[in-house]
């Protein structure tokens, strides 16, 4: 299988001189993406055109789609471009992060439809209360303080809590999912290495529990779909939903809130109702998309595309950020109203692999933004814009943190939920109080007997029995079962894999996270 990159010269050998990738317009060498710092898309397009030869990682060549029409054509064309990375490498591992099911045709539909149908069952009436409850809970942690990190303390855990509840699990597991996700994407190799297998255990435990105890949640609907996914296929499907949904949604919320805080005109239009929330989200998708590039497709044959010769199986990367600044489609991109309602951006994908959770994500983001703006009155950035720290990633366009100040409410959170540990301090252990057993009841429709009543009632009852010539009945020993049967033993419930993971996580948060 050829993995080289093509050249533009009609007589040149495939891969150019010495196998070095060449720009189809200028003949220049490949752009090393792994060494690039936030490429300037306009300069790249003027240098390379709609398609650039790149080095994805050391020794791994490929192509980066820069133009809008080039990205859109590859997204839609299933005949010449496959989503299956096995065309590039027999192991089927993509050369960079991917956002699509790595299959085509009937197999792709078999794996995709359970997710599509399950997400379609979550309409606005079901989703909005879940998002609002999680958002109010997270803001409640900091509303008395008047300061917050809108990424680590709001957008990131919010997305995890919402997905977890839609999977049919309690908030305890949502905090677990949020913490493991934060560790995985922290940029710290040691924390990420430990979090990866734990996240895998979360989804395997989720599938095992929902197989045993199905409900009306997204995970149960995926498992109960007529297409009959195996446990491992269900784990992959739900993991993909989390992977492609959590981080992009987190940074779409973060980038949207940053846009409101940075641009007074957009803030005024948004609060005044001139800029509808749905149109505002599309504006952010155009100007600050949370995903800049992704591993995309693999040609099914040798072909010429955008002026270059590309070999079968050579990886093509989608360049969404570049496509959205393409002059052919981005006229008026600096004006929010000019892009209001324009949904032709590529952030949701296109064609057969288009994101199945578009409506779901829109509603989640809209509700998250509205709740933050409504409850954090007088919100302003706590640092200058140039002091903000951005993720060091060519794939993800998002902030490490977004510190803000707002008008405190003077009320402390009294809901008893699991608190966020303060930096440098051990978190407080969260212990549920046992409920007290109700007082002993009398006969049906009778009030409970008090202690004084019991002391008077029992001798009187025994005297009436002796007067009737009958022996008083002896009370059965405590805990006795039926006649000739040993006392009932209380069965100990063995925790399932998901509960064991939660217990292990709770035991581990006794030490500082950082």
Protein backbone atom coordinates (compact mmCIF):
# COMPACT_ATOMS: atom_id res chain seq x y z
CA UNK A 1 0.00 0.00 0.00
CA UNK A 2 1.41 3.36 -1.01
CA UNK A 3 1.61 5.99 1.69
CA UNK A 4 3.60 8.64 -0.17
CA UNK A 5 2.21 11.99 -1.32
CA UNK A 6 1.82 13.11 -4.87
CA UNK A 7 3.35 15.85 -7.01
CA UNK A 8 1.92 18.15 -9.64
CA UNK A 9 4.34 17.43 -12.43
CA UNK A 10 2.74 15.25 -15.08
CA UNK A 11 6.00 13.40 -15.77
CA UNK A 12 7.23 13.22 -12.18
CA UNK A 13 7.14 9.97 -10.32
CA UNK A 14 4.45 9.59 -7.69
CA UNK A 15 5.70 11.18 -4.47
CA UNK A 16 7.97 13.73 -6.15
CA UNK A 17 11.75 13.90 -6.02
CA UNK A 18 13.15 11.46 -3.52
CA UNK A 19 9.66 10.67 -2.22
CA UNK A 20 9.31 14.19 -0.73
CA UNK A 21 5.79 15.64 -0.91
CA UNK A 22 5.47 18.76 -3.07
CA UNK A 23 2.90 21.54 -3.16
CA UNK A 24 0.67 21.15 -6.25
CA UNK A 25 1.06 24.88 -7.06
CA UNK A 26 4.56 25.86 -5.97
CA UNK A 27 6.46 22.57 -5.78
CA UNK A 28 7.52 23.41 -2.20
CA UNK A 29 8.03 20.73 0.43
CA UNK A 30 5.46 19.41 2.91
CA UNK A 31 4.29 21.50 5.86
CA UNK A 32 5.22 19.78 9.16
CA UNK A 33 1.96 20.06 11.11
CA UNK A 34 3.55 18.60 14.23
CA UNK A 35 5.89 21.60 14.39
CA UNK A 36 3.44 24.30 13.29
CA UNK A 37 2.15 26.90 15.72
CA UNK A 38 -1.38 27.92 14.80
CA UNK A 39 -1.05 28.24 11.01
CA UNK A 40 -2.29 31.42 9.34
CA UNK A 41 -4.89 30.01 7.00
CA UNK A 42 -4.85 32.90 4.52
CA UNK A 43 -1.10 32.56 4.08
CA UNK A 44 -1.35 28.77 3.68
CA UNK A 45 -4.04 29.08 1.00
CA UNK A 46 -2.04 31.69 -0.90
CA UNK A 47 0.99 29.40 -0.72
CA UNK A 48 -0.61 26.01 -1.37
CA UNK A 49 -4.06 26.61 -2.86
CA UNK A 50 -6.92 24.34 -1.79
CA UNK A 51 -4.72 21.36 -0.89
CA UNK A 52 -1.41 21.28 0.98
CA UNK A 53 1.08 18.41 1.38
CA UNK A 54 1.79 17.96 5.07
CA UNK A 55 3.72 15.81 7.49
CA UNK A 56 1.09 14.78 10.04
CA UNK A 57 3.64 13.41 12.48
CA UNK A 58 7.34 12.64 12.01
CA UNK A 59 7.60 10.35 9.00
CA UNK A 60 3.83 10.28 8.32
CA UNK A 61 2.92 12.28 5.18
CA UNK A 62 -0.57 13.27 4.10
CA UNK A 63 -2.69 16.07 2.68
CA UNK A 64 -4.51 18.97 4.36
CA UNK A 65 -7.70 20.26 2.72
CA UNK A 66 -7.62 24.07 2.87
CA UNK A 67 -10.42 25.23 0.56
CA UNK A 68 -14.12 25.17 1.34
CA UNK A 69 -15.12 23.36 -1.86
CA UNK A 70 -12.32 20.81 -1.45
CA UNK A 71 -13.43 19.97 2.10
CA UNK A 72 -17.08 19.77 1.09
CA UNK A 73 -16.38 17.56 -1.93
CA UNK A 74 -14.41 15.02 0.11
CA UNK A 75 -17.05 15.02 2.87
CA UNK A 76 -19.80 14.16 0.39
CA UNK A 77 -18.02 11.77 -1.99
CA UNK A 78 -18.17 8.21 -0.66
CA UNK A 79 -17.17 6.69 -3.98
CA UNK A 80 -13.65 8.08 -4.17
CA UNK A 81 -13.01 8.82 -0.47
CA UNK A 82 -13.44 6.31 2.35
CA UNK A 83 -13.64 6.90 6.11
CA UNK A 84 -12.02 3.51 6.79
CA UNK A 85 -8.35 3.97 7.85
CA UNK A 86 -7.60 0.34 6.97
CA UNK A 87 -7.00 1.61 3.44
CA UNK A 88 -4.03 3.51 4.88
CA UNK A 89 -2.79 1.05 7.51
CA UNK A 90 -3.82 -2.59 8.04
CA UNK A 91 -4.34 -1.97 11.77
CA UNK A 92 -7.06 0.57 11.08
CA UNK A 93 -5.57 3.23 13.37
CA UNK A 94 -5.97 6.74 11.89
CA UNK A 95 -2.84 8.91 11.63
CA UNK A 96 -4.56 11.68 13.60
CA UNK A 97 -7.70 12.18 15.65
CA UNK A 98 -10.84 11.31 13.70
CA UNK A 99 -14.47 12.29 14.19
CA UNK A 100 -16.36 9.66 12.19
CA UNK A 101 -17.27 6.00 12.39
CA UNK A 102 -14.43 4.28 10.58
CA UNK A 103 -16.67 2.27 8.25
CA UNK A 104 -18.55 2.82 4.99
CA UNK A 105 -21.73 1.65 3.31
CA UNK A 106 -24.04 -0.86 4.97
CA UNK A 107 -21.67 -1.51 7.87
CA UNK A 108 -21.51 2.19 8.62
CA UNK A 109 -25.31 2.44 8.63
CA UNK A 110 -25.64 -0.61 10.88
CA UNK A 111 -23.35 0.97 13.48
CA UNK A 112 -24.64 4.54 13.05
CA UNK A 113 -28.44 4.10 13.16
CA UNK A 114 -28.64 2.95 16.80
CA UNK A 115 -26.99 6.22 17.85
CA UNK A 116 -29.13 8.31 15.49
CA UNK A 117 -32.37 6.76 16.74
CA UNK A 118 -31.36 6.95 20.40
CA UNK A 119 -30.43 10.64 20.14
CA UNK A 120 -33.63 11.38 18.21
CA UNK A 121 -35.58 10.24 21.29
CA UNK A 122 -34.03 13.10 23.33
CA UNK A 123 -36.12 16.09 22.32
CA UNK A 124 -36.01 19.62 23.68
CA UNK A 125 -38.51 18.89 26.51
CA UNK A 126 -36.28 16.07 27.77
CA UNK A 127 -32.87 17.72 27.20
CA UNK A 128 -33.34 21.29 28.41
CA UNK A 129 -34.25 20.42 32.05
CA UNK A 130 -31.23 18.12 32.25
CA UNK A 131 -28.89 20.86 30.99
CA UNK A 132 -30.45 23.53 33.20
CA UNK A 133 -30.20 21.37 36.32
CA UNK A 134 -26.52 20.60 35.69
CA UNK A 135 -25.76 24.24 34.83
CA UNK A 136 -27.50 25.61 37.93
CA UNK A 137 -25.68 23.07 40.10
CA UNK A 138 -22.26 24.06 38.72
CA UNK A 139 -22.95 27.80 38.97
CA UNK A 140 -24.29 27.24 42.48
CA UNK A 141 -20.82 26.17 43.56
CA UNK A 142 -19.36 29.59 42.78
CA UNK A 143 -22.25 32.08 42.80
CA UNK A 144 -21.45 33.25 46.35
CA UNK A 145 -17.79 33.79 45.39
CA UNK A 146 -18.43 35.91 42.31
CA UNK A 147 -15.65 34.32 40.23
CA UNK A 148 -15.42 31.22 38.05
CA UNK A 149 -13.48 29.38 35.37
CA UNK A 150 -16.02 28.94 32.57
CA UNK A 151 -14.05 26.05 31.04
CA UNK A 152 -12.87 23.78 33.86
CA UNK A 153 -15.62 24.78 36.28
CA UNK A 154 -18.55 25.02 33.89
CA UNK A 155 -18.42 23.98 30.21
CA UNK A 156 -16.34 20.81 30.63
CA UNK A 157 -18.12 19.25 33.65
CA UNK A 158 -21.51 20.40 32.32
CA UNK A 159 -21.11 18.38 29.13
CA UNK A 160 -20.01 15.31 31.10
CA UNK A 161 -22.89 15.58 33.60
CA UNK A 162 -25.45 15.91 30.81
CA UNK A 163 -24.14 12.96 28.78
CA UNK A 164 -23.87 10.83 31.91
CA UNK A 165 -27.50 11.54 32.91
CA UNK A 166 -28.71 10.76 29.40
CA UNK A 167 -26.83 7.45 29.69
CA UNK A 168 -29.13 6.73 32.64
CA UNK A 169 -26.61 7.11 35.49
CA UNK A 170 -26.64 9.20 38.67
CA UNK A 171 -24.57 12.37 39.11
CA UNK A 172 -21.88 10.46 41.02
CA UNK A 173 -20.85 8.85 37.75
CA UNK A 174 -21.10 12.21 35.99
CA UNK A 175 -18.49 13.69 38.32
CA UNK A 176 -16.38 10.59 37.67
CA UNK A 177 -16.69 11.04 33.89
CA UNK A 178 -15.90 14.76 34.14
CA UNK A 179 -12.78 14.17 36.23
CA UNK A 180 -11.45 11.36 34.02
CA UNK A 181 -12.07 13.47 30.90
CA UNK A 182 -10.22 16.43 32.44
CA UNK A 183 -7.29 14.16 33.24
CA UNK A 184 -7.23 12.68 29.73
CA UNK A 185 -7.07 16.10 28.06
CA UNK A 186 -4.96 17.83 30.70
CA UNK A 187 -1.78 17.72 28.62
CA UNK A 188 -0.07 15.79 31.43
CA UNK A 189 1.07 12.40 30.01
CA UNK A 190 1.01 10.67 33.42
CA UNK A 191 -2.54 11.78 34.24
CA UNK A 192 -3.75 10.98 30.71
CA UNK A 193 -2.16 7.52 30.75
CA UNK A 194 -4.03 6.58 33.92
CA UNK A 195 -7.32 8.10 32.76
CA UNK A 196 -7.54 6.31 29.39
CA UNK A 197 -8.13 2.75 30.72
CA UNK A 198 -10.47 4.10 33.42
CA UNK A 199 -12.62 5.77 30.76
CA UNK A 200 -12.71 2.52 28.84
CA UNK A 201 -13.86 0.80 32.03
CA UNK A 202 -16.60 3.41 32.44
CA UNK A 203 -18.12 2.58 29.04
CA UNK A 204 -17.71 -1.16 29.45
CA UNK A 205 -19.34 -0.92 32.88
CA UNK A 206 -22.13 1.22 31.43
CA UNK A 207 -22.90 -1.35 28.74
CA UNK A 208 -22.79 -4.24 31.25
CA UNK A 209 -25.19 -2.45 33.62
CA UNK A 210 -27.64 -1.47 30.90
CA UNK A 211 -27.65 -5.00 29.50
CA UNK A 212 -28.65 -6.24 32.96
CA UNK A 213 -30.96 -3.33 33.87
CA UNK A 214 -32.24 -1.60 30.71
CA UNK A 215 -34.22 1.62 30.94
CA UNK A 216 -35.41 4.44 28.68
CA UNK A 217 -32.01 6.12 28.39
CA UNK A 218 -29.68 6.61 25.44
CA UNK A 219 -27.40 3.71 26.36
CA UNK A 220 -30.33 1.28 26.75
CA UNK A 221 -31.87 2.40 23.45
CA UNK A 222 -28.57 1.81 21.65
CA UNK A 223 -28.33 -1.68 23.15
CA UNK A 224 -31.97 -2.49 22.40
CA UNK A 225 -31.87 -1.33 18.78
CA UNK A 226 -33.00 -3.89 16.15
CA UNK A 227 -29.54 -3.77 14.57
CA UNK A 228 -28.33 -5.76 17.58
CA UNK A 229 -24.92 -4.30 18.39
CA UNK A 230 -22.57 -6.54 20.32
CA UNK A 231 -21.30 -5.32 23.69
CA UNK A 232 -17.98 -4.26 22.16
CA UNK A 233 -19.72 -2.46 19.28
CA UNK A 234 -21.94 -0.65 21.79
CA UNK A 235 -18.88 0.35 23.83
CA UNK A 236 -17.29 1.77 20.66
CA UNK A 237 -20.47 3.62 19.66
CA UNK A 238 -21.02 5.23 23.07
CA UNK A 239 -17.31 6.03 23.42
CA UNK A 240 -17.38 7.74 20.02
CA UNK A 241 -20.44 9.77 21.07
CA UNK A 242 -18.52 10.95 24.14
CA UNK A 243 -15.23 11.53 22.31
CA UNK A 244 -16.72 13.48 19.40
CA UNK A 245 -19.31 15.24 21.57
CA UNK A 246 -17.63 16.21 24.83
CA UNK A 247 -14.58 18.27 23.82
CA UNK A 248 -16.13 20.03 20.79
CA UNK A 249 -19.24 20.92 22.82
CA UNK A 250 -17.12 22.11 25.75
CA UNK A 251 -15.14 24.50 23.57
CA UNK A 252 -18.15 25.61 21.54
CA UNK A 253 -19.66 26.79 24.85
CA UNK A 254 -16.33 28.33 25.88
CA UNK A 255 -15.67 30.05 22.55
CA UNK A 256 -19.25 31.37 22.50
CA UNK A 257 -18.98 32.87 25.98
CA UNK A 258 -15.59 34.37 25.09
CA UNK A 259 -17.10 35.95 21.96
CA UNK A 260 -19.85 37.56 24.05
CA UNK A 261 -17.33 38.87 26.58
CA UNK A 262 -14.92 40.22 23.96
CA UNK A 263 -17.33 41.85 21.50
CA UNK A 264 -19.75 44.45 22.96
CA UNK A 265 -21.72 44.59 19.71
CA UNK A 266 -22.37 40.85 19.72
CA UNK A 267 -23.23 40.98 23.45
CA UNK A 268 -25.75 43.76 22.86
CA UNK A 269 -27.31 42.02 19.86
CA UNK A 270 -27.53 38.74 21.75
CA UNK A 271 -29.10 40.16 24.93
CA UNK A 272 -31.38 42.45 22.92
CA UNK A 273 -32.79 39.59 20.88
CA UNK A 274 -31.50 40.92 17.58
CA UNK A 275 -29.13 37.96 17.35
CA UNK A 276 -31.02 34.74 18.06
CA UNK A 277 -29.17 32.09 20.14
CA UNK A 278 -29.30 29.56 17.28
CA UNK A 279 -27.86 32.09 14.83
CA UNK A 280 -25.20 33.11 17.34
CA UNK A 281 -23.99 29.50 17.62
CA UNK A 282 -23.62 29.35 13.83
CA UNK A 283 -21.67 32.62 13.89
CA UNK A 284 -19.21 31.09 16.40
CA UNK A 285 -18.97 27.96 14.26
CA UNK A 286 -17.82 30.17 11.38
CA UNK A 287 -15.43 32.42 13.28
CA UNK A 288 -14.12 30.24 16.16
CA UNK A 289 -14.89 26.57 15.39
CA UNK A 290 -13.92 24.28 18.30
CA UNK A 291 -12.40 21.73 15.89
CA UNK A 292 -9.91 23.12 13.40
CA UNK A 293 -8.83 19.93 11.64
CA UNK A 294 -9.49 16.19 11.79
CA UNK A 295 -8.24 13.03 10.14
CA UNK A 296 -10.77 12.60 7.39
CA UNK A 297 -10.72 10.31 4.39
CA UNK A 298 -8.60 7.87 2.39
CA UNK A 299 -8.84 7.69 -1.43
CA UNK A 300 -10.21 4.42 -2.73
CA UNK A 301 -7.99 4.65 -5.85
CA UNK A 302 -5.17 6.69 -7.34
CA UNK A 303 -6.61 9.99 -8.56
CA UNK A 304 -5.95 13.61 -9.38
CA UNK A 305 -7.58 16.02 -6.95
CA UNK A 306 -7.19 19.81 -6.61
CA UNK A 307 -4.30 19.74 -9.06
CA UNK A 308 -2.34 17.00 -7.26
CA UNK A 309 -1.80 13.30 -7.83
CA UNK A 310 -2.91 11.43 -4.72
CA UNK A 311 -2.35 7.72 -4.22
CA UNK A 312 -4.82 5.16 -2.92
CA UNK A 313 -5.03 5.19 0.88
CA UNK A 314 -3.10 8.44 1.44
CA UNK A 315 -4.67 10.28 4.42
CA UNK A 316 -6.51 13.55 3.86
CA UNK A 317 -7.17 15.87 6.80
CA UNK A 318 -10.17 18.17 6.92
CA UNK A 319 -9.25 21.80 7.54
CA UNK A 320 -12.49 23.29 8.88
CA UNK A 321 -10.90 26.50 10.21
CA UNK A 322 -9.26 27.14 6.85
CA UNK A 323 -12.45 26.35 4.92
CA UNK A 324 -14.45 28.80 7.03
CA UNK A 325 -12.05 31.66 6.20
CA UNK A 326 -12.00 30.84 2.48
CA UNK A 327 -12.79 34.15 0.68
CA UNK A 328 -15.26 32.35 -1.58
CA UNK A 329 -17.65 31.79 1.36
CA UNK A 330 -16.54 34.03 4.24
CA UNK A 331 -17.40 37.51 2.96
CA UNK A 332 -18.58 39.59 5.92
CA UNK A 333 -17.19 37.08 8.44
CA UNK A 334 -16.34 39.88 10.88
CA UNK A 335 -20.01 40.88 11.13
CA UNK A 336 -22.14 38.63 13.32
CA UNK A 337 -25.34 39.74 11.61
CA UNK A 338 -23.90 38.96 8.16
CA UNK A 339 -23.45 35.33 9.20
CA UNK A 340 -26.63 35.05 11.31
CA UNK A 341 -28.58 32.04 10.16
CA UNK A 342 -25.87 30.84 7.74
CA UNK A 343 -25.67 27.11 8.44
CA UNK A 344 -23.43 26.18 5.54
CA UNK A 345 -20.35 25.88 7.76
CA UNK A 346 -18.70 22.45 7.87
CA UNK A 347 -18.38 22.03 11.64
CA UNK A 348 -21.18 19.43 11.73
CA UNK A 349 -19.74 17.62 8.70
CA UNK A 350 -21.70 16.73 5.57
CA UNK A 351 -22.83 13.68 3.67
CA UNK A 352 -23.31 10.20 5.13
CA UNK A 353 -20.99 10.89 8.08
CA UNK A 354 -22.65 14.15 9.14
CA UNK A 355 -22.80 14.53 12.93
CA UNK A 356 -25.89 12.65 14.21
CA UNK A 357 -26.18 14.92 17.27
CA UNK A 358 -26.48 18.31 15.55
CA UNK A 359 -29.86 19.27 17.04
CA UNK A 360 -28.86 17.79 20.39
CA UNK A 361 -25.62 19.82 20.54
CA UNK A 362 -27.31 23.04 19.43
CA UNK A 363 -29.89 22.82 22.22
CA UNK A 364 -27.28 21.90 24.84
CA UNK A 365 -25.00 24.81 23.90
CA UNK A 366 -27.85 27.32 23.66
CA UNK A 367 -29.18 26.35 27.09
CA UNK A 368 -25.70 26.43 28.64
CA UNK A 369 -24.98 29.92 27.29
CA UNK A 370 -28.38 31.31 28.32
CA UNK A 371 -28.10 29.91 31.84
CA UNK A 372 -24.60 31.30 32.35
CA UNK A 373 -25.56 34.76 31.08
CA UNK A 374 -28.76 34.79 33.14
CA UNK A 375 -27.25 33.67 36.46
CA UNK A 376 -23.80 35.29 36.28
CA UNK A 377 -24.95 38.90 36.11
CA UNK A 378 -22.37 41.54 35.29
CA UNK A 379 -19.95 38.92 33.91
CA UNK A 380 -16.56 40.27 32.76
CA UNK A 381 -13.23 38.62 32.00
CA UNK A 382 -10.84 38.49 34.96
CA UNK A 383 -7.76 38.78 32.70
CA UNK A 384 -6.80 40.71 29.61
CA UNK A 385 -7.53 38.88 26.31
CA UNK A 386 -3.81 38.50 25.55
CA UNK A 387 -3.35 36.68 28.88
CA UNK A 388 -5.76 33.89 27.97
CA UNK A 389 -4.14 30.49 27.52
CA UNK A 390 -5.17 28.43 24.48
CA UNK A 391 -4.87 24.68 24.04
CA UNK A 392 -1.63 23.70 22.32
CA UNK A 393 -3.40 21.60 19.73
CA UNK A 394 -3.86 21.87 15.98
CA UNK A 395 -7.04 19.84 16.25
CA UNK A 396 -8.87 21.60 19.10
CA UNK A 397 -9.39 25.34 19.19
CA UNK A 398 -10.28 26.12 22.78
CA UNK A 399 -9.13 27.78 25.96
CA UNK A 400 -7.37 26.10 28.86
CA UNK A 401 -9.42 28.34 31.15
CA UNK A 402 -11.72 31.35 30.94
CA UNK A 403 -11.62 33.20 34.28
CA UNK A 404 -14.46 35.68 34.90
CA UNK A 405 -15.87 37.88 37.63
CA UNK A 406 -19.56 38.46 38.14
CA UNK A 407 -21.91 39.88 40.76
CA UNK A 408 -22.02 37.39 43.68
CA UNK A 409 -25.40 36.37 45.06
CA UNK A 410 -24.30 36.12 48.68
CA UNK A 411 -25.82 32.64 48.90
CA UNK A 412 -23.85 29.47 49.41
CA UNK A 413 -24.70 26.24 47.67
CA UNK A 414 -26.75 24.12 50.06
CA UNK A 415 -27.64 21.24 47.76
CA UNK A 416 -25.16 18.82 49.28
CA UNK A 417 -23.66 17.83 45.94
CA UNK A 418 -20.07 16.73 45.60
CA UNK A 419 -17.84 19.83 45.97
CA UNK A 420 -14.98 20.79 43.71
CA UNK A 421 -11.69 20.62 45.67
CA UNK A 422 -9.79 23.87 46.03
CA UNK A 423 -6.36 23.95 44.34
CA UNK A 424 -3.70 22.59 46.64
CA UNK A 425 -6.17 21.15 49.16
CA UNK A 426 -7.60 17.69 49.58
CA UNK A 427 -11.23 17.51 48.48
CA UNK A 428 -13.91 16.89 51.07
CA UNK A 429 -15.16 13.34 51.07
CA UNK A 430 -18.81 13.18 50.04
CA UNK A 431 -20.78 10.89 52.37
CA UNK A 432 -24.48 10.25 52.11
CA UNK A 433 -26.36 10.26 55.42
CA UNK A 434 -28.38 7.19 56.20
CA UNK A 435 -32.09 7.78 56.41
CA UNK A 436 -33.68 7.10 59.81
CA UNK A 437 -36.14 4.27 59.92
CA UNK A 438 -39.76 5.35 60.51
CA UNK A 439 -41.28 4.81 63.92
CA UNK A 440 -43.13 1.54 64.43
CA UNK A 441 -46.68 1.73 63.13
CA UNK A 442 -49.82 0.40 64.80
CA UNK A 443 -52.71 -1.28 63.02
CA UNK A 444 -53.81 -0.10 59.60
CA UNK A 445 -55.18 3.48 59.72
CA UNK A 446 -53.91 3.75 63.34
CA UNK A 447 -51.41 6.30 64.59
CA UNK A 448 -47.97 5.05 65.76
CA UNK A 449 -47.84 3.91 69.37
CA UNK A 450 -45.74 6.07 71.65
CA UNK A 451 -43.46 4.59 74.33
CA UNK A 452 -45.89 5.42 77.17
CA UNK A 453 -48.79 3.90 75.24
CA UNK A 454 -46.75 0.75 74.65
CA UNK A 455 -46.01 0.31 78.38
CA UNK A 456 -49.71 0.58 79.24
CA UNK A 457 -51.05 -1.37 76.29
CA UNK A 458 -48.90 -4.51 76.62
CA UNK A 459 -49.83 -5.53 80.29
CA UNK A 460 -53.51 -4.86 79.62
CA UNK A 461 -53.43 -7.12 76.57
CA UNK A 462 -51.72 -9.92 78.51
CA UNK A 463 -54.27 -9.67 81.39
CA UNK A 464 -57.18 -9.99 78.97
CA UNK A 465 -55.61 -13.10 77.44
CA UNK A 466 -55.11 -14.78 80.88
CA UNK A 467 -58.67 -13.94 81.90
CA UNK A 468 -59.94 -15.79 78.84
CA UNK A 469 -58.04 -18.92 79.95
CA UNK A 470 -55.59 -18.90 77.12
CA UNK A 471 -51.86 -18.80 77.33
CA UNK A 472 -50.26 -15.68 75.97
CA UNK A 473 -48.61 -16.26 72.63
CA UNK A 474 -44.86 -16.09 72.79
CA UNK A 475 -43.24 -13.67 70.40
CA UNK A 476 -41.28 -15.23 67.57
CA UNK A 477 -37.55 -14.74 67.82
CA UNK A 478 -36.21 -11.74 65.93
CA UNK A 479 -35.27 -12.42 62.36
CA UNK A 480 -36.93 -15.84 62.23
CA UNK A 481 -38.28 -17.08 58.91
CA UNK A 482 -40.97 -19.70 58.31
CA UNK A 483 -41.46 -22.72 60.62
CA UNK A 484 -38.39 -24.97 60.87
CA UNK A 485 -36.45 -22.44 58.75
CA UNK A 486 -33.25 -20.74 59.77
CA UNK A 487 -33.28 -16.95 60.17
CA UNK A 488 -33.06 -15.09 56.87
CA UNK A 489 -29.55 -14.05 55.94
CA UNK A 490 -29.23 -10.62 54.38
CA UNK A 491 -27.74 -10.98 50.91
CA UNK A 492 -24.69 -8.90 50.24
CA UNK A 493 -24.88 -7.16 46.89
CA UNK A 494 -21.69 -7.46 44.90
CA UNK A 495 -20.87 -4.16 43.21
CA UNK A 496 -20.82 -4.31 39.42
CA UNK A 497 -17.78 -3.10 37.41
CA UNK A 498 -19.15 0.43 37.14
CA UNK A 499 -19.72 0.70 40.90
CA UNK A 500 -16.23 -0.67 41.58
CA UNK A 501 -14.78 1.98 39.29
CA UNK A 502 -16.69 4.68 41.18
CA UNK A 503 -15.50 3.37 44.55
CA UNK A 504 -11.92 3.29 43.32
CA UNK A 505 -12.22 6.87 42.03
CA UNK A 506 -13.71 8.09 45.31
CA UNK A 507 -10.90 6.51 47.24
CA UNK A 508 -8.37 8.18 44.94
CA UNK A 509 -9.67 11.75 45.25
CA UNK A 510 -8.49 11.93 48.84
CA UNK A 511 -5.22 13.32 47.49
CA UNK A 512 -4.87 16.58 45.60
CA UNK A 513 -5.65 16.32 41.89
CA UNK A 514 -2.77 18.52 40.79
